[in-house]
Each structure stands twice: as structure tokens, then as C-alpha cells.
């Protein structure tokens, strides 16, 4: 009997080792042929909980030796490992990888890395990470400043308030391909408002109220007001969400649609005491329930732990 148990145990170990080696070989193949594999990384691999650590160890050399446009593909894999595994020590390592990638000479890599820094929990940003973020912000050649500036607001870097005011408030120069809502000045106002600067909160609210273009107001600036995460900004969104403002006739494909119906996607997450489950898909009945709750003007508790 003992002999049978021993043989079975050896068989299980052998199978597990074989499976692990197969996954390892498959991962290395993926990394070597990352542009040719026509399948997203998260679909190509399933078992992140068991494999994420050795995957990270094998991935890092590919990031270190790739400085070309292909580098962004490896940073996508790194972010996927962090997102899927949800292991804090691994996420901390990936966070620092992305901070490093944010100063890359390759624009696609910079854009991806800077944009995804906001998706990490605040608690992962320690003194060393904060120092690196400040260095990125102050880097003369850094051109992905909009999202870096917003990151400062998310991390509540009050030490940078004076710098933001001196370098970006009043800096806007109209250009043909960029709206004001993509400018560093607007980002600075948003970040300062997020950090509680009263003048900036007032400026952002006034700008929102004065905006005549309903597309900009409800598709772009509304998300910026959600980012601010202040009572005044969220009240503006609630006012439109519970109101009767509709998409105007110049948008015939969606004419008659309530302008603020999509606000539910961020309002539900930004308000801690929202009483209904947060969903990926909201049906008309979900929106009506939410409108009815917000219409009672409850005392909202704001979730500033998310971007």
C-alpha cells in the first residue's frame, strides 16, 4: 500500500513539474514572439496566481534590453501580471518598472507607463516612488505631463502645489490639435482642486458650468470633475445625472438620450455610500434606481482612495 502511495505521489509531482515546465516554455515563446502572437496576454495565459512571480523574473530582462517601440508590449505584460495576480509585493515591483518606463525615449512606452500609474493603489507609493514621480514631473524633456500632473493630485503631493502654480497656471497656448482640456494648465487646475485648493475648485466648477458644448461637458469634463473628488464637483455631476438635460438634435444618432446617464459609471465608484452593487453594465432600471437615490440629495461620502 505504501509503495502505491509513493508511486502515486511521484506521479503527481512529475505531472505538476511537467505542467509548470510547459507553461514556462510557453511564456518564453510568448516573450520571444510577442508581436507575432495574435492573442492578448491575459487570454494566452490563465494561471497567474501560481505563475506570476517567475513570469515577472523572466520578463524583466526583456524590458531591460528592449528600448525600441516593442518595449511597450513587455510593459503591457508587466501590468497584466500586477492586475491579474493582485499580490502587493509583486505590484510594487511592477509599479517601479512602470515608473522607470515613464522616462523612456520611446513615446508609446511613456504613454502606456504614465497612463497606468494611476491604476495602482496609493499605499504602494512609498517615499522612493514619490521621489521618482517628482523627478519625472520636473524633468525638462518630459512631454507626458498631463497624466503626471493628475497623478500628483491623486497622490495628494501638496509639496508640488507651488510648482504647479508657477509652471502651469497661465501657461496655455492654443494649438491646432489640442483642446484646452488636454493642456497642462487644465491638468494643474484639476490636480490643485483635487488637493483642496479653493481657487482651483472654483475655477474648475465655473469652467464646467460655462461650457456650452454638451459633448465636451458630458463626455470629457465630467470625468475630470469626477477625478477632482470634491463635494462641489460631484454635486455638479449629480445635478445633471438627476436632471432632464438631453443630447441636442445635432447628434441625431443619440438624440433624446439623457446627457448624464453614463455618469453612473464613475459616480457609483466615487461615492462610498452608494447603496447598490457596482456593475460593469448598467441597464435602464439600474440608472433609474440610481437617479432616484441621488435625487434625494443624500449626504455623500467620497472615495478619494481611487483615481
Protein backbone atom coordinates (compact mmCIF):
# COMPACT_ATOMS: atom_id res chain seq x y z
CA UNK A 1 0.00 0.00 0.00
CA UNK A 2 2.80 2.41 0.93
CA UNK A 3 4.53 1.59 -2.34
CA UNK A 4 1.39 2.50 -4.29
CA UNK A 5 1.01 5.81 -2.39
CA UNK A 6 4.66 6.64 -3.02
CA UNK A 7 4.37 5.87 -6.73
CA UNK A 8 1.21 7.99 -6.97
CA UNK A 9 2.94 10.90 -5.18
CA UNK A 10 5.90 10.70 -7.56
CA UNK A 11 3.48 10.64 -10.48
CA UNK A 12 1.68 13.79 -9.24
CA UNK A 13 5.00 15.59 -8.70
CA UNK A 14 6.13 14.58 -12.17
CA UNK A 15 2.89 15.80 -13.78
CA UNK A 16 3.00 19.09 -11.88
CA UNK A 17 6.63 19.64 -12.85
CA UNK A 18 5.82 18.83 -16.46
CA UNK A 19 2.87 21.25 -16.47
CA UNK A 20 4.97 24.01 -14.89
CA UNK A 21 7.76 23.48 -17.44
CA UNK A 22 5.23 23.58 -20.28
CA UNK A 23 3.84 26.88 -19.00
CA UNK A 24 7.37 28.25 -18.61
CA UNK A 25 8.30 27.26 -22.17
CA UNK A 26 5.06 28.73 -23.45
CA UNK A 27 5.70 32.01 -21.63
CA UNK A 28 9.22 32.27 -23.04
CA UNK A 29 7.84 31.58 -26.51
CA UNK A 30 5.32 34.37 -25.99
CA UNK A 31 8.04 36.82 -24.96
CA UNK A 32 10.27 35.88 -27.89
CA UNK A 33 7.42 36.25 -30.39
CA UNK A 34 5.38 38.96 -28.69
CA UNK A 35 4.50 40.79 -31.89
CA UNK A 36 3.54 37.66 -33.80
CA UNK A 37 1.28 36.05 -31.19
CA UNK A 38 -2.18 37.27 -32.16
CA UNK A 39 -3.74 36.87 -28.75
CA UNK A 40 -3.79 39.17 -25.70
CA UNK A 41 -1.51 38.03 -22.90
CA UNK A 42 -4.37 37.65 -20.40
CA UNK A 43 -6.11 35.18 -22.73
CA UNK A 44 -2.93 33.34 -23.67
CA UNK A 45 -2.23 32.51 -20.00
CA UNK A 46 -4.72 31.70 -17.26
CA UNK A 47 -2.97 30.67 -14.05
CA UNK A 48 -1.46 33.97 -12.87
CA UNK A 49 -1.77 33.21 -9.16
CA UNK A 50 0.66 30.30 -9.37
CA UNK A 51 2.98 31.67 -12.05
CA UNK A 52 3.20 35.44 -11.62
CA UNK A 53 6.48 35.54 -9.68
CA UNK A 54 8.59 33.50 -12.08
CA UNK A 55 6.86 35.22 -15.01
CA UNK A 56 7.99 38.55 -13.60
CA UNK A 57 11.57 37.30 -13.19
CA UNK A 58 11.68 36.10 -16.80
CA UNK A 59 10.03 39.26 -18.10
CA UNK A 60 12.39 41.87 -16.57
CA UNK A 61 15.40 41.12 -18.82
CA UNK A 62 13.20 41.62 -21.90
CA UNK A 63 12.20 45.06 -20.63
CA UNK A 64 15.79 45.95 -19.80
CA UNK A 65 17.17 45.01 -23.21
CA UNK A 66 14.29 46.37 -25.32
CA UNK A 67 14.40 50.14 -25.78
CA UNK A 68 12.59 50.12 -29.15
CA UNK A 69 8.90 50.51 -29.96
CA UNK A 70 8.38 46.85 -29.00
CA UNK A 71 9.16 47.68 -25.36
CA UNK A 72 5.59 48.77 -24.70
CA UNK A 73 4.40 45.20 -25.34
CA UNK A 74 6.50 43.95 -22.44
CA UNK A 75 5.19 46.69 -20.16
CA UNK A 76 1.66 45.56 -21.07
CA UNK A 77 2.60 42.06 -19.85
CA UNK A 78 4.02 43.55 -16.63
CA UNK A 79 0.82 45.49 -15.95
CA UNK A 80 -1.26 42.37 -16.68
CA UNK A 81 0.73 40.39 -14.11
CA UNK A 82 0.06 43.06 -11.49
CA UNK A 83 -3.62 43.38 -12.35
CA UNK A 84 -4.33 39.65 -12.51
CA UNK A 85 -2.23 38.42 -9.59
CA UNK A 86 -3.15 41.18 -7.09
CA UNK A 87 -0.06 40.38 -4.99
CA UNK A 88 1.10 43.57 -3.27
CA UNK A 89 4.81 42.76 -3.28
CA UNK A 90 4.67 41.94 -6.99
CA UNK A 91 2.55 45.01 -7.72
CA UNK A 92 5.17 47.15 -6.00
CA UNK A 93 7.83 45.77 -8.33
CA UNK A 94 5.65 46.34 -11.39
CA UNK A 95 4.87 49.87 -10.21
CA UNK A 96 8.57 50.67 -10.17
CA UNK A 97 9.01 49.10 -13.60
CA UNK A 98 6.32 51.41 -14.97
CA UNK A 99 7.81 54.45 -13.24
CA UNK A 100 11.10 53.59 -14.96
CA UNK A 101 9.31 53.18 -18.30
CA UNK A 102 7.72 56.61 -17.87
CA UNK A 103 11.04 58.24 -18.75
CA UNK A 104 11.60 56.08 -21.84
CA UNK A 105 12.72 57.74 -25.07
CA UNK A 106 10.01 55.79 -26.87
CA UNK A 107 6.72 57.68 -26.86
CA UNK A 108 4.36 54.66 -26.84
CA UNK A 109 6.17 53.23 -23.84
CA UNK A 110 6.00 56.55 -21.98
CA UNK A 111 2.29 56.97 -22.71
CA UNK A 112 1.41 53.45 -21.57
CA UNK A 113 3.50 53.61 -18.40
CA UNK A 114 2.41 57.08 -17.28
CA UNK A 115 -1.24 56.35 -18.00
CA UNK A 116 -1.22 53.14 -15.95
CA UNK A 117 0.49 54.54 -12.86
CA UNK A 118 -2.89 55.87 -11.73
CA UNK A 119 -4.24 52.31 -11.59
CA UNK A 120 -2.07 51.33 -8.63
CA UNK A 121 -3.27 51.74 -5.05
CA UNK A 122 -1.98 54.82 -3.24
CA UNK A 123 -0.43 52.75 -0.47
CA UNK A 124 2.07 51.25 -2.94
CA UNK A 125 3.65 54.67 -3.50
CA UNK A 126 6.28 54.93 -0.78
CA UNK A 127 8.92 57.62 -0.31
CA UNK A 128 11.15 56.22 -3.05
CA UNK A 129 8.31 56.02 -5.58
CA UNK A 130 7.11 59.55 -4.69
CA UNK A 131 10.65 60.87 -5.22
CA UNK A 132 10.75 59.28 -8.67
CA UNK A 133 7.36 60.78 -9.58
CA UNK A 134 8.56 64.25 -8.58
CA UNK A 135 11.71 63.78 -10.67
CA UNK A 136 9.56 62.83 -13.67
CA UNK A 137 7.39 65.91 -13.20
CA UNK A 138 10.42 68.19 -13.05
CA UNK A 139 12.20 66.53 -15.98
CA UNK A 140 12.60 69.22 -18.70
CA UNK A 141 12.14 66.81 -21.61
CA UNK A 142 9.09 65.04 -20.16
CA UNK A 143 6.16 65.53 -22.55
CA UNK A 144 3.57 63.24 -20.95
CA UNK A 145 2.84 65.84 -18.29
CA UNK A 146 -0.97 65.89 -18.32
CA UNK A 147 -1.32 62.50 -16.64
CA UNK A 148 1.73 63.04 -14.42
CA UNK A 149 0.18 66.24 -13.12
CA UNK A 150 -3.09 64.40 -12.41
CA UNK A 151 -1.08 61.69 -10.66
CA UNK A 152 0.30 64.34 -8.29
CA UNK A 153 -3.25 65.26 -7.35
CA UNK A 154 -4.24 61.61 -6.87
CA UNK A 155 -1.23 61.06 -4.58
CA UNK A 156 -2.00 64.33 -2.75
CA UNK A 157 1.52 65.71 -3.26
CA UNK A 158 0.87 69.06 -1.63
CA UNK A 159 4.59 69.82 -1.76
CA UNK A 160 4.13 70.26 -5.52
CA UNK A 161 1.30 72.83 -5.33
CA UNK A 162 3.63 75.81 -5.60
CA UNK A 163 5.50 74.20 -8.52
CA UNK A 164 2.24 73.50 -10.40
CA UNK A 165 1.04 77.07 -9.93
CA UNK A 166 4.32 78.62 -11.00
CA UNK A 167 4.92 76.45 -14.05
CA UNK A 168 1.49 75.65 -15.47
CA UNK A 169 -1.16 78.14 -14.38
CA UNK A 170 -1.27 80.71 -17.17
CA UNK A 171 0.85 78.55 -19.48
CA UNK A 172 -1.82 77.56 -22.02
CA UNK A 173 -1.08 78.36 -25.65
CA UNK A 174 -3.79 77.34 -28.15
CA UNK A 175 -2.61 74.84 -30.74
CA UNK A 176 -4.43 73.35 -33.70
CA UNK A 177 -4.55 69.77 -32.48
CA UNK A 178 -5.11 70.15 -28.74
CA UNK A 179 -8.07 71.43 -26.78
CA UNK A 180 -7.78 73.29 -23.51
CA UNK A 181 -8.99 70.16 -21.74
CA UNK A 182 -5.78 68.36 -22.79
CA UNK A 183 -3.48 71.17 -21.65
CA UNK A 184 -1.04 71.14 -18.76
CA UNK A 185 -2.75 74.24 -17.35
CA UNK A 186 -6.11 72.47 -17.11
CA UNK A 187 -4.41 69.41 -15.58
CA UNK A 188 -2.78 71.67 -13.00
CA UNK A 189 -6.12 73.22 -12.05
CA UNK A 190 -7.63 69.74 -11.70
CA UNK A 191 -4.75 68.44 -9.56
CA UNK A 192 -4.80 71.52 -7.34
CA UNK A 193 -8.57 71.22 -6.95
CA UNK A 194 -8.17 67.55 -6.02
CA UNK A 195 -5.71 68.65 -3.32
CA UNK A 196 -8.27 71.08 -1.92
CA UNK A 197 -7.08 74.40 -3.40
CA UNK A 198 -10.20 76.57 -3.15
CA UNK A 199 -9.41 78.89 -6.07
CA UNK A 200 -8.81 75.91 -8.34
CA UNK A 201 -12.05 74.21 -7.25
CA UNK A 202 -13.94 77.40 -8.08
CA UNK A 203 -12.17 77.74 -11.44
CA UNK A 204 -12.95 74.15 -12.48
CA UNK A 205 -16.62 74.42 -11.45
CA UNK A 206 -17.06 77.75 -13.26
CA UNK A 207 -15.45 76.33 -16.39
CA UNK A 208 -17.79 73.36 -16.29
CA UNK A 209 -20.88 75.49 -15.84
CA UNK A 210 -19.85 77.85 -18.64
CA UNK A 211 -19.10 75.11 -21.18
CA UNK A 212 -21.69 75.25 -23.99
CA UNK A 213 -20.56 72.18 -25.90
CA UNK A 214 -22.54 69.35 -24.33
CA UNK A 215 -20.24 66.74 -25.82
CA UNK A 216 -17.20 68.22 -24.06
CA UNK A 217 -19.25 68.85 -20.94
CA UNK A 218 -20.68 65.36 -20.56
CA UNK A 219 -18.04 63.16 -22.18
CA UNK A 220 -14.78 64.85 -21.22
CA UNK A 221 -15.05 67.43 -18.44
CA UNK A 222 -17.47 65.27 -16.43
CA UNK A 223 -14.71 62.69 -15.92
CA UNK A 224 -12.36 65.46 -14.89
CA UNK A 225 -14.86 66.63 -12.28
CA UNK A 226 -15.11 63.07 -11.02
CA UNK A 227 -11.29 62.99 -10.72
CA UNK A 228 -11.39 66.13 -8.52
CA UNK A 229 -13.32 64.10 -5.91
CA UNK A 230 -14.65 67.13 -4.05
CA UNK A 231 -18.20 67.69 -2.82
CA UNK A 232 -18.62 70.68 -5.15
CA UNK A 233 -17.51 68.78 -8.24
CA UNK A 234 -19.60 65.69 -7.58
CA UNK A 235 -22.67 67.82 -6.87
CA UNK A 236 -22.37 69.25 -10.40
CA UNK A 237 -22.41 65.74 -11.83
CA UNK A 238 -25.33 64.68 -9.65
CA UNK A 239 -27.30 67.73 -10.79
CA UNK A 240 -27.00 66.71 -14.44
CA UNK A 241 -27.41 63.00 -13.71
CA UNK A 242 -30.73 63.57 -11.95
CA UNK A 243 -31.90 66.33 -14.32
CA UNK A 244 -33.70 66.38 -17.66
CA UNK A 245 -30.89 67.67 -19.88
CA UNK A 246 -30.86 65.68 -23.13
CA UNK A 247 -28.44 65.24 -26.02
CA UNK A 248 -29.28 68.00 -28.55
CA UNK A 249 -30.62 67.39 -32.11
CA UNK A 250 -27.19 67.89 -33.74
CA UNK A 251 -26.35 64.38 -32.51
CA UNK A 252 -29.23 62.53 -34.25
CA UNK A 253 -27.96 59.01 -33.53
CA UNK A 254 -28.35 59.57 -29.76
CA UNK A 255 -30.91 62.39 -29.77
CA UNK A 256 -33.16 62.39 -26.70
CA UNK A 257 -30.71 60.49 -24.52
CA UNK A 258 -30.21 61.99 -21.03
CA UNK A 259 -26.82 63.74 -21.08
CA UNK A 260 -25.71 62.42 -17.74
CA UNK A 261 -26.81 58.79 -17.89
CA UNK A 262 -23.24 57.50 -18.22
CA UNK A 263 -22.17 59.37 -15.09
CA UNK A 264 -23.31 56.33 -13.13
CA UNK A 265 -20.10 54.51 -14.13
CA UNK A 266 -17.93 56.82 -12.05
CA UNK A 267 -20.42 58.20 -9.52
CA UNK A 268 -21.08 54.70 -8.16
CA UNK A 269 -17.36 54.16 -7.54
CA UNK A 270 -16.58 57.65 -6.26
CA UNK A 271 -19.26 57.64 -3.56
CA UNK A 272 -18.58 55.17 -0.77
CA UNK A 273 -22.15 55.04 0.49
CA UNK A 274 -23.74 54.36 -2.92
CA UNK A 275 -26.28 51.70 -1.88
CA UNK A 276 -26.40 49.45 -4.95
CA UNK A 277 -23.89 46.94 -6.37
CA UNK A 278 -21.27 48.40 -8.71
CA UNK A 279 -21.74 46.80 -12.12
CA UNK A 280 -19.88 46.56 -15.39
CA UNK A 281 -23.11 47.01 -17.34
CA UNK A 282 -25.93 49.28 -16.19
CA UNK A 283 -29.41 48.72 -17.57
CA UNK A 284 -32.15 51.40 -17.72
CA UNK A 285 -33.69 50.15 -14.47
CA UNK A 286 -30.29 50.46 -12.73
CA UNK A 287 -29.95 54.05 -13.92
CA UNK A 288 -33.47 54.91 -12.76
CA UNK A 289 -32.77 53.48 -9.29
CA UNK A 290 -29.56 55.49 -9.11
CA UNK A 291 -31.27 58.69 -10.28
CA UNK A 292 -33.96 58.23 -7.63
CA UNK A 293 -31.35 57.74 -4.89
CA UNK A 294 -29.26 60.73 -5.90
CA UNK A 295 -32.42 62.85 -6.28
CA UNK A 296 -32.95 62.56 -2.51
CA UNK A 297 -29.68 64.53 -2.16
CA UNK A 298 -28.11 62.12 0.34
CA UNK A 299 -25.05 63.13 2.32
CA UNK A 300 -22.35 61.58 0.17
CA UNK A 301 -19.10 60.02 1.43
CA UNK A 302 -16.37 60.50 -1.16
CA UNK A 303 -13.89 57.75 -2.04
CA UNK A 304 -10.56 59.55 -2.58
CA UNK A 305 -8.58 56.30 -2.48
CA UNK A 306 -9.20 55.76 -6.20
CA UNK A 307 -8.03 57.86 -9.09
